Amino acid sequence: MAKEESKYGFKDKAKAEESLELLKSEDHKYQLLTVRGLIGRAKRVLTLTKAEDKINNIKAAIETFEQWLEANSTSSTKNAKPKDTEDKVETVPGFGFKDKQAAEQTLSILEGRDPDYQKLAIKGLIGSAKRVIPATKNEEKLSSIKQAVALFEDFLDRFDREERGKQNMPYLSIDLIRQLPAPQGEQSDKLAVEFLACYETQAKGNYKHLRTKAPKDPGSKTWDIVRNAKLRALKPDSSVKFFDQDGKPTELHLQMVQWAYSPQVEKLKSYANSLASSGKSTKPSRKRSHSSSSSSEEESKTKESKKDRKKSKK
C-alpha cells in the first residue's frame, strides 16, 4: 500500500494527471478500480481538509479522475444502473478512432469545448484504441487505427506544448451565480439568460450536461462551445481589474458571471457572502419573470375581490 500511495495521488490536478499516466501500463479493470478508489479516498479527505487552496486542488483532482472515468467507461460500466438516473450525463456523439477520417471528425467535434475535456477525451480514445490494436488481425484496419492514434498523439503534443490547459474556464455553481447582481445590460443579452436557464433547469447545475444541449436557435453549437466563445470575446487583458474600489464586481465581471465564469472565484464568493450577511442578497431579482408576473396577477385578483365584497355590502 505504501508503494501505491507514492505512485498515485490526488493532492492536485497535476498529481491526478500523473497518476493516470502511470496507470496506462496497467490492466483496464485495475485502472478503473484504482481511479474509483482514489476518488473515494479524495472525497473522504475533503471532509477533513480546512485550507481553501488544498480543498480546491483536491476537487480539481477529483474532477480530472471523474472525466477520465467518463471517457474510459467500458460497456459493462455504461450499462450499470446509475445511482441517480436523472443526472446521467449523455455522451457527446461522433467520437471514433477506426481511421484518420474518424480521428479528424473527433477533433472537429471537440473544437471549442473545454480544454480539460478535450485532453481527457483524446487520452481516453488513445487508450481504447491501443487496447483494440492487439486484437486486430486485418493489416488494413490495423494501419488505419494506428494513423488515428498518431493524429491524436500529435494533438496532445501540441496541447501540452501550447499549454492549452491554462485556457480552461471552470464553471461557477448556479447557486453562487443566483446570489450575485445581474449586469445592467442583462435584458439585452437574451442568450446569456437562456444559458443560465438551461444550466439551472435542464442541466440541473451540472455543467457536463451542457456538452449535449444547445440554444433554441436552429443550427447553434452546444452550450459549452457557445459559452467558451462568449467568454473569449469578453476576456480582457491582464491589466483590467475585476472589482471596483468598493470591492464590488465590475460590469464586465458580472457579464462573465452570466456565463458561469469568474477569474477571481474566491473574492467573488467573499463578496456574495458579504451580500448575504448584510441582507442585500439579490437572489429574488434573479427569479424567472413568470413568478413575478403571477404574483402581480394574484395581487390584482385580491384587490378585485375586495372591491366586489364592498359593493355587495352596500
Foldseek 3Di string as FASTA:
>chain_A
DVVVPVQAAQQAQVRLVSNLVVCLVDDLVVSVVVLVVRLVVLVVVLVVDDDPVSNHRNVNSNVLSVLLCVLQPDPVRVPDDDPDPLQDADDDPQADQQAQVSLVSNVVLCPLFFLSNLLSNLVNRLSVLVVCLVVDDDPVSNVRNVNSSVVSVVVVVVCVVVVVNVLGFDFAFLVLLLQADAQPCVVVPVVLLQLSVCCCPVNVRPCSNQCPDCDPPPPGHGLRSVLSVVVVVLDDDPVDDQADPVLHGDSSQNVNVSSRGHPDVVSSVVVSVVCVVVVNGPNVVSPDPVVVVVVVVVVVVVVVVVVVVVVVVD
